[in-house]
Amino acid sequence: MMSGSLLITFDKVWKSYGQGEATVHALAGVDLAIRSSEFVAIMG
């Protein structure tokens, strides 16, 4: 059961660096939901 109201959502987030064969996909279709009752650390 999830408690707390939904504060932030990200759906299908993509981030790429470079071009062509040198492209690096740092994020590929990432989903994230953070509720008011949660503690979250995002590193990188």
PDB file of N, CA and C in Angstrom:
ATOM      1  N   MET A   1       0.837  -1.188   0.000  1.00  0.00           N
ATOM      2  CA  MET A   1       0.000   0.000   0.000  1.00  0.00           C
ATOM      3  C   MET A   1       0.876   1.243   0.000  1.00  0.00           C
ATOM      4  N   MET A   2       0.585   2.177  -0.870  1.00  0.00           N
ATOM      5  CA  MET A   2       1.346   3.416  -0.951  1.00  0.00           C
ATOM      6  C   MET A   2       0.662   4.485  -0.108  1.00  0.00           C
ATOM      7  N   SER A   3       1.459   5.205   0.682  1.00  0.00           N
ATOM      8  CA  SER A   3       0.895   6.287   1.470  1.00  0.00           C
ATOM      9  C   SER A   3       1.557   7.596   1.065  1.00  0.00           C
ATOM     10  N   GLY A   4       0.921   8.714   1.379  1.00  0.00           N
ATOM     11  CA  GLY A   4       1.448  10.015   1.004  1.00  0.00           C
ATOM     12  C   GLY A   4       0.981  10.420  -0.371  1.00  0.00           C
ATOM     13  N   SER A   5       0.828  11.715  -0.560  1.00  0.00           N
ATOM     14  CA  SER A   5       0.371  12.215  -1.857  1.00  0.00           C
ATOM     15  C   SER A   5       1.535  12.249  -2.848  1.00  0.00           C
ATOM     16  N   LEU A   6       1.217  12.111  -4.106  1.00  0.00           N
ATOM     17  CA  LEU A   6       2.210  12.112  -5.174  1.00  0.00           C
ATOM     18  C   LEU A   6       2.731  13.535  -5.365  1.00  0.00           C
ATOM     19  N   LEU A   7       4.054  13.723  -5.257  1.00  0.00           N
ATOM     20  CA  LEU A   7       4.663  15.048  -5.386  1.00  0.00           C
ATOM     21  C   LEU A   7       5.281  15.283  -6.754  1.00  0.00           C
ATOM     22  N   ILE A   8       6.041  14.297  -7.242  1.00  0.00           N
ATOM     23  CA  ILE A   8       6.784  14.437  -8.500  1.00  0.00           C
ATOM     24  C   ILE A   8       6.668  13.150  -9.295  1.00  0.00           C
ATOM     25  N   THR A   9       6.427  13.270 -10.598  1.00  0.00           N
ATOM     26  CA  THR A   9       6.470  12.100 -11.473  1.00  0.00           C
ATOM     27  C   THR A   9       7.255  12.435 -12.737  1.00  0.00           C
ATOM     28  N   PHE A  10       8.012  11.474 -13.208  1.00  0.00           N
ATOM     29  CA  PHE A  10       8.697  11.537 -14.492  1.00  0.00           C
ATOM     30  C   PHE A  10       8.308  10.284 -15.250  1.00  0.00           C
ATOM     31  N   ASP A  11       7.925  10.421 -16.506  1.00  0.00           N
ATOM     32  CA  ASP A  11       7.539   9.276 -17.327  1.00  0.00           C
ATOM     33  C   ASP A  11       8.369   9.238 -18.598  1.00  0.00           C
ATOM     34  N   LYS A  12       9.010   8.100 -18.825  1.00  0.00           N
ATOM     35  CA  LYS A  12       9.778   7.834 -20.050  1.00  0.00           C
ATOM     36  C   LYS A  12      10.822   8.919 -20.341  1.00  0.00           C
ATOM     37  N   VAL A  13      11.670   9.219 -19.351  1.00  0.00           N
ATOM     38  CA  VAL A  13      12.712  10.237 -19.491  1.00  0.00           C
ATOM     39  C   VAL A  13      13.924   9.641 -20.201  1.00  0.00           C
ATOM     40  N   TRP A  14      14.432  10.369 -21.193  1.00  0.00           N
ATOM     41  CA  TRP A  14      15.612   9.954 -21.952  1.00  0.00           C
ATOM     42  C   TRP A  14      16.656  11.058 -21.898  1.00  0.00           C
ATOM     43  N   LYS A  15      17.933  10.694 -21.781  1.00  0.00           N
ATOM     44  CA  LYS A  15      19.033  11.643 -21.878  1.00  0.00           C
ATOM     45  C   LYS A  15      20.193  10.942 -22.554  1.00  0.00           C
ATOM     46  N   SER A  16      20.675  11.535 -23.649  1.00  0.00           N
ATOM     47  CA  SER A  16      21.784  10.959 -24.410  1.00  0.00           C
ATOM     48  C   SER A  16      22.870  12.005 -24.599  1.00  0.00           C
ATOM     49  N   TYR A  17      24.115  11.540 -24.658  1.00  0.00           N
ATOM     50  CA  TYR A  17      25.265  12.398 -24.904  1.00  0.00           C
ATOM     51  C   TYR A  17      26.002  11.878 -26.124  1.00  0.00           C
ATOM     52  N   GLY A  18      26.591  12.794 -26.907  1.00  0.00           N
ATOM     53  CA  GLY A  18      27.373  12.403 -28.067  1.00  0.00           C
ATOM     54  C   GLY A  18      26.519  12.287 -29.312  1.00  0.00           C
ATOM     55  N   GLN A  19      27.145  11.772 -30.387  1.00  0.00           N
ATOM     56  CA  GLN A  19      26.474  11.628 -31.672  1.00  0.00           C
ATOM     57  C   GLN A  19      26.904  10.334 -32.341  1.00  0.00           C
ATOM     58  N   GLY A  20      26.027   9.814 -33.178  1.00  0.00           N
ATOM     59  CA  GLY A  20      26.348   8.626 -33.965  1.00  0.00           C
ATOM     60  C   GLY A  20      26.741   7.435 -33.109  1.00  0.00           C
ATOM     61  N   GLU A  21      27.842   6.765 -33.505  1.00  0.00           N
ATOM     62  CA  GLU A  21      28.303   5.581 -32.773  1.00  0.00           C
ATOM     63  C   GLU A  21      28.830   5.922 -31.379  1.00  0.00           C
ATOM     64  N   ALA A  22      29.151   7.199 -31.135  1.00  0.00           N
ATOM     65  CA  ALA A  22      29.684   7.618 -29.835  1.00  0.00           C
ATOM     66  C   ALA A  22      28.580   8.017 -28.853  1.00  0.00           C
ATOM     67  N   THR A  23      27.326   7.789 -29.207  1.00  0.00           N
ATOM     68  CA  THR A  23      26.216   8.167 -28.341  1.00  0.00           C
ATOM     69  C   THR A  23      26.154   7.280 -27.102  1.00  0.00           C
ATOM     70  N   VAL A  24      26.016   7.927 -25.947  1.00  0.00           N
ATOM     71  CA  VAL A  24      25.851   7.229 -24.669  1.00  0.00           C
ATOM     72  C   VAL A  24      24.472   7.588 -24.129  1.00  0.00           C
ATOM     73  N   HIS A  25      23.665   6.574 -23.848  1.00  0.00           N
ATOM     74  CA  HIS A  25      22.328   6.795 -23.298  1.00  0.00           C
ATOM     75  C   HIS A  25      22.420   6.731 -21.772  1.00  0.00           C
ATOM     76  N   ALA A  26      22.454   7.895 -21.128  1.00  0.00           N
ATOM     77  CA  ALA A  26      22.561   7.955 -19.669  1.00  0.00           C
ATOM     78  C   ALA A  26      21.252   7.532 -19.013  1.00  0.00           C
ATOM     79  N   LEU A  27      20.138   7.896 -19.616  1.00  0.00           N
ATOM     80  CA  LEU A  27      18.808   7.476 -19.165  1.00  0.00           C
ATOM     81  C   LEU A  27      18.062   6.946 -20.371  1.00  0.00           C
ATOM     82  N   ALA A  28      17.359   5.843 -20.209  1.00  0.00           N
ATOM     83  CA  ALA A  28      16.635   5.247 -21.327  1.00  0.00           C
ATOM     84  C   ALA A  28      15.243   4.824 -20.880  1.00  0.00           C
ATOM     85  N   GLY A  29      14.281   5.729 -21.022  1.00  0.00           N
ATOM     86  CA  GLY A  29      12.899   5.414 -20.690  1.00  0.00           C
ATOM     87  C   GLY A  29      12.634   5.261 -19.202  1.00  0.00           C
ATOM     88  N   VAL A  30      13.260   6.104 -18.384  1.00  0.00           N
ATOM     89  CA  VAL A  30      13.143   5.997 -16.928  1.00  0.00           C
ATOM     90  C   VAL A  30      11.827   6.595 -16.432  1.00  0.00           C
ATOM     91  N   ASP A  31      11.151   5.868 -15.543  1.00  0.00           N
ATOM     92  CA  ASP A  31       9.946   6.353 -14.862  1.00  0.00           C
ATOM     93  C   ASP A  31      10.271   6.512 -13.383  1.00  0.00           C
ATOM     94  N   LEU A  32       9.760   7.584 -12.761  1.00  0.00           N
ATOM     95  CA  LEU A  32      10.009   7.824 -11.346  1.00  0.00           C
ATOM     96  C   LEU A  32       8.789   8.493 -10.738  1.00  0.00           C
ATOM     97  N   ALA A  33       8.387   8.034  -9.568  1.00  0.00           N
ATOM     98  CA  ALA A  33       7.291   8.654  -8.817  1.00  0.00           C
ATOM     99  C   ALA A  33       7.745   8.815  -7.373  1.00  0.00           C
ATOM    100  N   ILE A  34       7.625  10.028  -6.839  1.00  0.00           N
ATOM    101  CA  ILE A  34       8.026  10.313  -5.465  1.00  0.00           C
ATOM    102  C   ILE A  34       6.809  10.813  -4.698  1.00  0.00           C
ATOM    103  N   ARG A  35       6.564  10.195  -3.559  1.00  0.00           N
ATOM    104  CA  ARG A  35       5.430  10.555  -2.699  1.00  0.00           C
ATOM    105  C   ARG A  35       5.917  11.348  -1.488  1.00  0.00           C
ATOM    106  N   SER A  36       5.020  12.094  -0.875  1.00  0.00           N
ATOM    107  CA  SER A  36       5.388  12.968   0.243  1.00  0.00           C
ATOM    108  C   SER A  36       5.946  12.205   1.435  1.00  0.00           C
ATOM    109  N   SER A  37       5.654  10.941   1.568  1.00  0.00           N
ATOM    110  CA  SER A  37       6.120  10.145   2.709  1.00  0.00           C
ATOM    111  C   SER A  37       7.478   9.486   2.464  1.00  0.00           C
ATOM    112  N   GLU A  38       8.111   9.717   1.300  1.00  0.00           N
ATOM    113  CA  GLU A  38       9.347   9.032   0.929  1.00  0.00           C
ATOM    114  C   GLU A  38      10.567   9.937   1.058  1.00  0.00           C
ATOM    115  N   PHE A  39      11.715   9.308   1.325  1.00  0.00           N
ATOM    116  CA  PHE A  39      13.007   9.970   1.279  1.00  0.00           C
ATOM    117  C   PHE A  39      13.742   9.399   0.074  1.00  0.00           C
ATOM    118  N   VAL A  40      14.261  10.274  -0.808  1.00  0.00           N
ATOM    119  CA  VAL A  40      14.881   9.819  -2.048  1.00  0.00           C
ATOM    120  C   VAL A  40      16.212  10.538  -2.251  1.00  0.00           C
ATOM    121  N   ALA A  41      17.237   9.798  -2.682  1.00  0.00           N
ATOM    122  CA  ALA A  41      18.519  10.374  -3.079  1.00  0.00           C
ATOM    123  C   ALA A  41      18.803   9.931  -4.504  1.00  0.00           C
ATOM    124  N   ILE A  42      19.087  10.892  -5.375  1.00  0.00           N
ATOM    125  CA  ILE A  42      19.434  10.587  -6.765  1.00  0.00           C
ATOM    126  C   ILE A  42      20.882  11.012  -6.964  1.00  0.00           C
ATOM    127  N   MET A  43      21.721  10.066  -7.342  1.00  0.00           N
ATOM    128  CA  MET A  43      23.149  10.337  -7.485  1.00  0.00           C
ATOM    129  C   MET A  43      23.610  10.010  -8.899  1.00  0.00           C
ATOM    130  N   GLY A  44      24.618  10.729  -9.336  1.00  0.00           N
ATOM    131  CA  GLY A  44      25.180  10.382 -10.619  1.00  0.00           C
ATOM    132  C   GLY A  44      25.586  11.572 -11.408  1.00  0.00           C
TER     133      GLY A  44
END
